[in-house]
PDB file of all heavy atoms in Angstrom:
ATOM      1  N   ILE A   1       0.646  -9.895 -17.452  1.00  0.00           N
ATOM      2  CA  ILE A   1       0.330 -10.019 -16.028  1.00  0.00           C
ATOM      3  C   ILE A   1       1.452 -10.798 -15.353  1.00  0.00           C
ATOM      4  O   ILE A   1       1.889 -11.827 -15.851  1.00  0.00           O
ATOM      5  CB  ILE A   1      -1.012 -10.749 -15.864  1.00  0.00           C
ATOM      6  CG1 ILE A   1      -2.120  -9.904 -16.483  1.00  0.00           C
ATOM      7  CG2 ILE A   1      -1.297 -11.049 -14.398  1.00  0.00           C
ATOM      8  CD1 ILE A   1      -3.413 -10.639 -16.681  1.00  0.00           C
ATOM      9  N   GLY A   2       1.918 -10.296 -14.232  1.00  0.00           N
ATOM     10  CA  GLY A   2       2.931 -11.025 -13.477  1.00  0.00           C
ATOM     11  C   GLY A   2       3.731 -10.129 -12.571  1.00  0.00           C
ATOM     12  O   GLY A   2       3.740 -10.284 -11.359  1.00  0.00           O
ATOM     13  N   GLN A   3       4.402  -9.139 -13.119  1.00  0.00           N
ATOM     14  CA  GLN A   3       5.302  -8.290 -12.335  1.00  0.00           C
ATOM     15  C   GLN A   3       4.590  -7.009 -11.906  1.00  0.00           C
ATOM     16  O   GLN A   3       4.095  -6.261 -12.731  1.00  0.00           O
ATOM     17  CB  GLN A   3       6.514  -7.949 -13.207  1.00  0.00           C
ATOM     18  CG  GLN A   3       7.648  -7.314 -12.472  1.00  0.00           C
ATOM     19  CD  GLN A   3       8.723  -6.869 -13.433  1.00  0.00           C
ATOM     20  OE1 GLN A   3       8.746  -5.714 -13.845  1.00  0.00           O
ATOM     21  NE2 GLN A   3       9.607  -7.776 -13.813  1.00  0.00           N
ATOM     22  N   TYR A   4       4.528  -6.793 -10.589  1.00  0.00           N
ATOM     23  CA  TYR A   4       3.886  -5.586 -10.074  1.00  0.00           C
ATOM     24  C   TYR A   4       4.560  -5.150  -8.779  1.00  0.00           C
ATOM     25  O   TYR A   4       5.323  -5.896  -8.176  1.00  0.00           O
ATOM     26  CB  TYR A   4       2.383  -5.809  -9.841  1.00  0.00           C
ATOM     27  CG  TYR A   4       2.067  -6.569  -8.576  1.00  0.00           C
ATOM     28  CD1 TYR A   4       1.560  -5.917  -7.455  1.00  0.00           C
ATOM     29  CD2 TYR A   4       2.280  -7.942  -8.473  1.00  0.00           C
ATOM     30  CE1 TYR A   4       1.276  -6.600  -6.278  1.00  0.00           C
ATOM     31  CE2 TYR A   4       2.003  -8.627  -7.312  1.00  0.00           C
ATOM     32  CZ  TYR A   4       1.499  -7.954  -6.216  1.00  0.00           C
ATOM     33  OH  TYR A   4       1.239  -8.628  -5.058  1.00  0.00           O
ATOM     34  N   MET A   5       4.269  -3.928  -8.357  1.00  0.00           N
ATOM     35  CA  MET A   5       4.817  -3.379  -7.122  1.00  0.00           C
ATOM     36  C   MET A   5       3.812  -3.620  -5.992  1.00  0.00           C
ATOM     37  O   MET A   5       2.670  -3.182  -6.082  1.00  0.00           O
ATOM     38  CB  MET A   5       5.075  -1.881  -7.288  1.00  0.00           C
ATOM     39  CG  MET A   5       5.568  -1.198  -6.036  1.00  0.00           C
ATOM     40  SD  MET A   5       5.747   0.587  -6.299  1.00  0.00           S
ATOM     41  CE  MET A   5       7.530   0.707  -6.363  1.00  0.00           C
ATOM     42  N   GLN A   6       4.231  -4.334  -4.948  1.00  0.00           N
ATOM     43  CA  GLN A   6       3.384  -4.529  -3.768  1.00  0.00           C
ATOM     44  C   GLN A   6       3.463  -3.260  -2.922  1.00  0.00           C
ATOM     45  O   GLN A   6       4.508  -2.957  -2.361  1.00  0.00           O
ATOM     46  CB  GLN A   6       3.852  -5.737  -2.953  1.00  0.00           C
ATOM     47  CG  GLN A   6       3.103  -5.938  -1.653  1.00  0.00           C
ATOM     48  CD  GLN A   6       1.642  -6.319  -1.836  1.00  0.00           C
ATOM     49  OE1 GLN A   6       1.306  -7.111  -2.709  1.00  0.00           O
ATOM     50  NE2 GLN A   6       0.772  -5.757  -1.027  1.00  0.00           N
ATOM     51  N   PRO A   7       2.377  -2.488  -2.842  1.00  0.00           N
ATOM     52  CA  PRO A   7       2.465  -1.203  -2.137  1.00  0.00           C
ATOM     53  C   PRO A   7       2.477  -1.330  -0.615  1.00  0.00           C
ATOM     54  O   PRO A   7       1.794  -2.171  -0.050  1.00  0.00           O
ATOM     55  CB  PRO A   7       1.208  -0.462  -2.608  1.00  0.00           C
ATOM     56  CG  PRO A   7       0.260  -1.529  -3.011  1.00  0.00           C
ATOM     57  CD  PRO A   7       1.076  -2.701  -3.457  1.00  0.00           C
ATOM     58  N   TYR A   8       3.283  -0.489  -0.011  1.00  0.00           N
ATOM     59  CA  TYR A   8       3.281  -0.273   1.438  1.00  0.00           C
ATOM     60  C   TYR A   8       2.857   1.168   1.650  1.00  0.00           C
ATOM     61  O   TYR A   8       3.209   2.047   0.859  1.00  0.00           O
ATOM     62  CB  TYR A   8       4.678  -0.486   2.019  1.00  0.00           C
ATOM     63  CG  TYR A   8       5.049  -1.934   2.168  1.00  0.00           C
ATOM     64  CD1 TYR A   8       5.358  -2.712   1.061  1.00  0.00           C
ATOM     65  CD2 TYR A   8       5.087  -2.533   3.429  1.00  0.00           C
ATOM     66  CE1 TYR A   8       5.689  -4.045   1.199  1.00  0.00           C
ATOM     67  CE2 TYR A   8       5.416  -3.869   3.572  1.00  0.00           C
ATOM     68  CZ  TYR A   8       5.711  -4.619   2.454  1.00  0.00           C
ATOM     69  OH  TYR A   8       6.032  -5.941   2.592  1.00  0.00           O
ATOM     70  N   LEU A   9       2.108   1.421   2.699  1.00  0.00           N
ATOM     71  CA  LEU A   9       1.669   2.771   3.018  1.00  0.00           C
ATOM     72  C   LEU A   9       2.214   3.174   4.372  1.00  0.00           C
ATOM     73  O   LEU A   9       2.187   2.390   5.323  1.00  0.00           O
ATOM     74  CB  LEU A   9       0.145   2.859   3.031  1.00  0.00           C
ATOM     75  CG  LEU A   9      -0.553   2.543   1.711  1.00  0.00           C
ATOM     76  CD1 LEU A   9      -2.066   2.573   1.890  1.00  0.00           C
ATOM     77  CD2 LEU A   9      -0.135   3.498   0.623  1.00  0.00           C
ATOM     78  N   LEU A  10       2.704   4.403   4.441  1.00  0.00           N
ATOM     79  CA  LEU A  10       3.160   5.000   5.693  1.00  0.00           C
ATOM     80  C   LEU A  10       2.267   6.202   5.944  1.00  0.00           C
ATOM     81  O   LEU A  10       2.231   7.138   5.144  1.00  0.00           O
ATOM     82  CB  LEU A  10       4.623   5.420   5.590  1.00  0.00           C
ATOM     83  CG  LEU A  10       5.216   6.215   6.754  1.00  0.00           C
ATOM     84  CD1 LEU A  10       5.106   5.449   8.071  1.00  0.00           C
ATOM     85  CD2 LEU A  10       6.669   6.564   6.460  1.00  0.00           C
ATOM     86  N   PHE A  11       1.503   6.163   7.034  1.00  0.00           N
ATOM     87  CA  PHE A  11       0.607   7.248   7.418  1.00  0.00           C
ATOM     88  C   PHE A  11       1.305   8.098   8.474  1.00  0.00           C
ATOM     89  O   PHE A  11       1.790   7.572   9.482  1.00  0.00           O
ATOM     90  CB  PHE A  11      -0.702   6.687   7.984  1.00  0.00           C
ATOM     91  CG  PHE A  11      -1.478   5.865   7.001  1.00  0.00           C
ATOM     92  CD1 PHE A  11      -1.339   4.484   6.968  1.00  0.00           C
ATOM     93  CD2 PHE A  11      -2.356   6.460   6.111  1.00  0.00           C
ATOM     94  CE1 PHE A  11      -2.056   3.710   6.069  1.00  0.00           C
ATOM     95  CE2 PHE A  11      -3.078   5.706   5.204  1.00  0.00           C
ATOM     96  CZ  PHE A  11      -2.928   4.327   5.183  1.00  0.00           C
ATOM     97  N   LEU A  12       1.336   9.418   8.233  1.00  0.00           N
ATOM     98  CA  LEU A  12       2.025  10.351   9.128  1.00  0.00           C
ATOM     99  C   LEU A  12       1.049  11.403   9.648  1.00  0.00           C
ATOM    100  O   LEU A  12       0.127  11.810   8.934  1.00  0.00           O
ATOM    101  CB  LEU A  12       3.162  11.054   8.390  1.00  0.00           C
ATOM    102  CG  LEU A  12       4.207  10.170   7.718  1.00  0.00           C
ATOM    103  CD1 LEU A  12       5.090  10.995   6.793  1.00  0.00           C
ATOM    104  CD2 LEU A  12       5.039   9.454   8.761  1.00  0.00           C
ATOM    105  N   ASP A  13       1.304  11.889  10.860  1.00  0.00           N
ATOM    106  CA  ASP A  13       0.507  13.002  11.373  1.00  0.00           C
ATOM    107  C   ASP A  13       1.118  14.319  10.906  1.00  0.00           C
ATOM    108  O   ASP A  13       2.095  14.328  10.145  1.00  0.00           O
ATOM    109  CB  ASP A  13       0.371  12.933  12.900  1.00  0.00           C
ATOM    110  CG  ASP A  13       1.683  13.126  13.649  1.00  0.00           C
ATOM    111  OD1 ASP A  13       2.679  13.616  13.065  1.00  0.00           O
ATOM    112  OD2 ASP A  13       1.722  12.804  14.851  1.00  0.00           O
ATOM    113  N   SER A  14       0.580  15.434  11.358  1.00  0.00           N
ATOM    114  CA  SER A  14       1.030  16.748  10.890  1.00  0.00           C
ATOM    115  C   SER A  14       2.456  17.084  11.311  1.00  0.00           C
ATOM    116  O   SER A  14       3.075  17.981  10.744  1.00  0.00           O
ATOM    117  CB  SER A  14       0.075  17.833  11.369  1.00  0.00           C
ATOM    118  OG  SER A  14       0.049  17.862  12.789  1.00  0.00           O
ATOM    119  N   GLN A  15       3.003  16.358  12.281  1.00  0.00           N
ATOM    120  CA  GLN A  15       4.380  16.556  12.733  1.00  0.00           C
ATOM    121  C   GLN A  15       5.330  15.509  12.134  1.00  0.00           C
ATOM    122  O   GLN A  15       6.463  15.374  12.584  1.00  0.00           O
ATOM    123  CB  GLN A  15       4.444  16.502  14.265  1.00  0.00           C
ATOM    124  CG  GLN A  15       3.579  17.551  14.949  1.00  0.00           C
ATOM    125  CD  GLN A  15       3.985  18.955  14.565  1.00  0.00           C
ATOM    126  OE1 GLN A  15       5.154  19.321  14.644  1.00  0.00           O
ATOM    127  NE2 GLN A  15       3.020  19.751  14.113  1.00  0.00           N
ATOM    128  N   PHE A  16       4.847  14.759  11.125  1.00  0.00           N
ATOM    129  CA  PHE A  16       5.609  13.726  10.420  1.00  0.00           C
ATOM    130  C   PHE A  16       5.959  12.524  11.302  1.00  0.00           C
ATOM    131  O   PHE A  16       6.923  11.814  11.050  1.00  0.00           O
ATOM    132  CB  PHE A  16       6.877  14.301   9.756  1.00  0.00           C
ATOM    133  CG  PHE A  16       6.576  15.428   8.831  1.00  0.00           C
ATOM    134  CD1 PHE A  16       6.749  16.745   9.226  1.00  0.00           C
ATOM    135  CD2 PHE A  16       6.072  15.188   7.556  1.00  0.00           C
ATOM    136  CE1 PHE A  16       6.454  17.798   8.378  1.00  0.00           C
ATOM    137  CE2 PHE A  16       5.771  16.228   6.697  1.00  0.00           C
ATOM    138  CZ  PHE A  16       5.958  17.540   7.106  1.00  0.00           C
ATOM    139  N   ASN A  17       5.152  12.288  12.331  1.00  0.00           N
ATOM    140  CA  ASN A  17       5.309  11.096  13.160  1.00  0.00           C
ATOM    141  C   ASN A  17       4.501   9.965  12.538  1.00  0.00           C
ATOM    142  O   ASN A  17       3.368  10.179  12.081  1.00  0.00           O
ATOM    143  CB  ASN A  17       4.795  11.350  14.585  1.00  0.00           C
ATOM    144  CG  ASN A  17       5.603  12.417  15.283  1.00  0.00           C
ATOM    145  OD1 ASN A  17       6.815  12.352  15.342  1.00  0.00           O
ATOM    146  ND2 ASN A  17       4.907  13.431  15.802  1.00  0.00           N
ATOM    147  N   ALA A  18       5.070   8.764  12.530  1.00  0.00           N
ATOM    148  CA  ALA A  18       4.387   7.607  11.963  1.00  0.00           C
ATOM    149  C   ALA A  18       3.184   7.233  12.831  1.00  0.00           C
ATOM    150  O   ALA A  18       3.299   7.121  14.049  1.00  0.00           O
ATOM    151  CB  ALA A  18       5.338   6.430  11.860  1.00  0.00           C
ATOM    152  N   ILE A  19       2.030   7.070  12.182  1.00  0.00           N
ATOM    153  CA  ILE A  19       0.817   6.607  12.847  1.00  0.00           C
ATOM    154  C   ILE A  19       0.644   5.122  12.604  1.00  0.00           C
ATOM    155  O   ILE A  19       0.330   4.358  13.507  1.00  0.00           O
ATOM    156  CB  ILE A  19      -0.428   7.362  12.320  1.00  0.00           C
ATOM    157  CG1 ILE A  19      -0.299   8.858  12.566  1.00  0.00           C
ATOM    158  CG2 ILE A  19      -1.693   6.806  12.957  1.00  0.00           C
ATOM    159  CD1 ILE A  19      -1.376   9.678  11.871  1.00  0.00           C
ATOM    160  N   GLU A  20       0.841   4.724  11.340  1.00  0.00           N
ATOM    161  CA  GLU A  20       0.673   3.327  10.948  1.00  0.00           C
ATOM    162  C   GLU A  20       1.506   3.087   9.695  1.00  0.00           C
ATOM    163  O   GLU A  20       1.702   3.994   8.886  1.00  0.00           O
ATOM    164  CB  GLU A  20      -0.802   3.049  10.649  1.00  0.00           C
ATOM    165  CG  GLU A  20      -1.133   1.616  10.346  1.00  0.00           C
ATOM    166  CD  GLU A  20      -2.627   1.411  10.086  1.00  0.00           C
ATOM    167  OE1 GLU A  20      -3.448   1.922  10.861  1.00  0.00           O
ATOM    168  OE2 GLU A  20      -2.953   0.749   9.082  1.00  0.00           O
ATOM    169  N   GLN A  21       1.974   1.847   9.540  1.00  0.00           N
ATOM    170  CA  GLN A  21       2.795   1.499   8.383  1.00  0.00           C
ATOM    171  C   GLN A  21       2.549   0.045   8.042  1.00  0.00           C
ATOM    172  O   GLN A  21       2.433  -0.793   8.935  1.00  0.00           O
ATOM    173  CB  GLN A  21       4.274   1.714   8.728  1.00  0.00           C
ATOM    174  CG  GLN A  21       5.236   1.471   7.619  1.00  0.00           C
ATOM    175  CD  GLN A  21       6.666   1.845   8.021  1.00  0.00           C
ATOM    176  OE1 GLN A  21       6.942   2.122   9.187  1.00  0.00           O
ATOM    177  NE2 GLN A  21       7.557   1.853   7.063  1.00  0.00           N
ATOM    178  N   GLY A  22       2.444  -0.267   6.759  1.00  0.00           N
ATOM    179  CA  GLY A  22       2.289  -1.660   6.358  1.00  0.00           C
ATOM    180  C   GLY A  22       1.710  -1.796   4.971  1.00  0.00           C
ATOM    181  O   GLY A  22       1.484  -0.825   4.257  1.00  0.00           O
ATOM    182  N   THR A  23       1.451  -3.035   4.602  1.00  0.00           N
ATOM    183  CA  THR A  23       0.893  -3.354   3.299  1.00  0.00           C
ATOM    184  C   THR A  23      -0.498  -3.927   3.494  1.00  0.00           C
ATOM    185  O   THR A  23      -1.032  -3.915   4.606  1.00  0.00           O
ATOM    186  CB  THR A  23       1.813  -4.317   2.528  1.00  0.00           C
ATOM    187  OG1 THR A  23       1.359  -4.418   1.173  1.00  0.00           O
ATOM    188  CG2 THR A  23       1.890  -5.690   3.157  1.00  0.00           C
ATOM    189  N   MET A  24      -1.108  -4.397   2.439  1.00  0.00           N
ATOM    190  CA  MET A  24      -2.444  -4.955   2.504  1.00  0.00           C
ATOM    191  C   MET A  24      -2.546  -6.118   1.531  1.00  0.00           C
ATOM    192  O   MET A  24      -1.716  -6.271   0.653  1.00  0.00           O
ATOM    193  CB  MET A  24      -3.502  -3.887   2.200  1.00  0.00           C
ATOM    194  CG  MET A  24      -3.641  -3.477   0.755  1.00  0.00           C
ATOM    195  SD  MET A  24      -2.371  -2.436  -0.003  1.00  0.00           S
ATOM    196  CE  MET A  24      -2.034  -1.184   1.157  1.00  0.00           C
ATOM    197  N   ASP A  25      -3.582  -6.936   1.727  1.00  0.00           N
ATOM    198  CA  ASP A  25      -3.845  -8.002   0.767  1.00  0.00           C
ATOM    199  C   ASP A  25      -4.292  -7.371  -0.544  1.00  0.00           C
ATOM    200  O   ASP A  25      -5.041  -6.394  -0.554  1.00  0.00           O
ATOM    201  CB  ASP A  25      -4.944  -8.934   1.282  1.00  0.00           C
ATOM    202  CG  ASP A  25      -4.493  -9.769   2.463  1.00  0.00           C
ATOM    203  OD1 ASP A  25      -3.276 -10.017   2.597  1.00  0.00           O
ATOM    204  OD2 ASP A  25      -5.364 -10.188   3.256  1.00  0.00           O
ATOM    205  N   MET A  26      -3.816  -7.928  -1.633  1.00  0.00           N
ATOM    206  CA  MET A  26      -4.176  -7.440  -2.961  1.00  0.00           C
ATOM    207  C   MET A  26      -4.886  -8.574  -3.710  1.00  0.00           C
ATOM    208  O   MET A  26      -4.527  -9.742  -3.573  1.00  0.00           O
ATOM    209  CB  MET A  26      -2.938  -7.009  -3.735  1.00  0.00           C
ATOM    210  CG  MET A  26      -2.094  -5.930  -3.065  1.00  0.00           C
ATOM    211  SD  MET A  26      -2.856  -4.316  -3.022  1.00  0.00           S
ATOM    212  CE  MET A  26      -2.554  -3.744  -4.688  1.00  0.00           C
ATOM    213  N   THR A  27      -5.881  -8.206  -4.526  1.00  0.00           N
ATOM    214  CA  THR A  27      -6.661  -9.157  -5.307  1.00  0.00           C
ATOM    215  C   THR A  27      -6.482  -8.845  -6.784  1.00  0.00           C
ATOM    216  O   THR A  27      -6.432  -7.678  -7.174  1.00  0.00           O
ATOM    217  CB  THR A  27      -8.161  -9.032  -4.942  1.00  0.00           C
ATOM    218  OG1 THR A  27      -8.305  -9.249  -3.543  1.00  0.00           O
ATOM    219  CG2 THR A  27      -9.004 -10.035  -5.697  1.00  0.00           C
ATOM    220  N   PHE A  28      -6.417  -9.875  -7.610  1.00  0.00           N
ATOM    221  CA  PHE A  28      -6.254  -9.699  -9.050  1.00  0.00           C
ATOM    222  C   PHE A  28      -7.563  -9.246  -9.689  1.00  0.00           C
ATOM    223  O   PHE A  28      -8.628  -9.792  -9.421  1.00  0.00           O
ATOM    224  CB  PHE A  28      -5.800 -11.017  -9.692  1.00  0.00           C
ATOM    225  CG  PHE A  28      -5.798 -10.979 -11.193  1.00  0.00           C
ATOM    226  CD1 PHE A  28      -4.835 -10.271 -11.883  1.00  0.00           C
ATOM    227  CD2 PHE A  28      -6.778 -11.646 -11.918  1.00  0.00           C
ATOM    228  CE1 PHE A  28      -4.836 -10.226 -13.269  1.00  0.00           C
ATOM    229  CE2 PHE A  28      -6.783 -11.611 -13.304  1.00  0.00           C
ATOM    230  CZ  PHE A  28      -5.806 -10.897 -13.974  1.00  0.00           C
ATOM    231  N   TYR A  29      -7.483  -8.204 -10.555  1.00  0.00           N
ATOM    232  CA  TYR A  29      -8.597  -7.765 -11.393  1.00  0.00           C
ATOM    233  C   TYR A  29      -8.104  -7.753 -12.828  1.00  0.00           C
ATOM    234  O   TYR A  29      -7.066  -7.177 -13.124  1.00  0.00           O
ATOM    235  CB  TYR A  29      -9.094  -6.369 -10.989  1.00  0.00           C
ATOM    236  CG  TYR A  29     -10.069  -6.444  -9.842  1.00  0.00           C
ATOM    237  CD1 TYR A  29      -9.620  -6.522  -8.533  1.00  0.00           C
ATOM    238  CD2 TYR A  29     -11.441  -6.474 -10.075  1.00  0.00           C
ATOM    239  CE1 TYR A  29     -10.510  -6.628  -7.482  1.00  0.00           C
ATOM    240  CE2 TYR A  29     -12.340  -6.572  -9.030  1.00  0.00           C
ATOM    241  CZ  TYR A  29     -11.863  -6.653  -7.738  1.00  0.00           C
ATOM    242  OH  TYR A  29     -12.748  -6.757  -6.703  1.00  0.00           O
ATOM    243  N   ASP A  30      -8.881  -8.379 -13.710  1.00  0.00           N
ATOM    244  CA  ASP A  30      -8.411  -8.539 -15.094  1.00  0.00           C
ATOM    245  C   ASP A  30      -8.602  -7.305 -15.956  1.00  0.00           C
ATOM    246  O   ASP A  30      -8.220  -7.302 -17.114  1.00  0.00           O
ATOM    247  CB  ASP A  30      -9.044  -9.761 -15.749  1.00  0.00           C
ATOM    248  CG  ASP A  30     -10.521  -9.596 -16.043  1.00  0.00           C
ATOM    249  OD1 ASP A  30     -11.077  -8.505 -15.800  1.00  0.00           O
ATOM    250  OD2 ASP A  30     -11.138 -10.573 -16.509  1.00  0.00           O
ATOM    251  N   GLY A  31      -9.179  -6.246 -15.428  1.00  0.00           N
ATOM    252  CA  GLY A  31      -9.310  -5.018 -16.194  1.00  0.00           C
ATOM    253  C   GLY A  31     -10.645  -4.844 -16.872  1.00  0.00           C
ATOM    254  O   GLY A  31     -10.877  -3.827 -17.505  1.00  0.00           O
ATOM    255  N   SER A  32     -11.539  -5.801 -16.758  1.00  0.00           N
ATOM    256  CA  SER A  32     -12.848  -5.645 -17.401  1.00  0.00           C
ATOM    257  C   SER A  32     -13.899  -5.108 -16.429  1.00  0.00           C
ATOM    258  O   SER A  32     -15.047  -4.969 -16.778  1.00  0.00           O
ATOM    259  CB  SER A  32     -13.313  -6.982 -17.978  1.00  0.00           C
ATOM    260  OG  SER A  32     -13.439  -7.941 -16.959  1.00  0.00           O
TER     261      SER A  32
END
């Protein structure tokens, strides 16, 4: 546990125009 990719999401409409872009808060889950 330690190294991970912080995801960013880019939401596009049908014409490939950006609607929203950004990341989110992430919470640790131990896998159980």
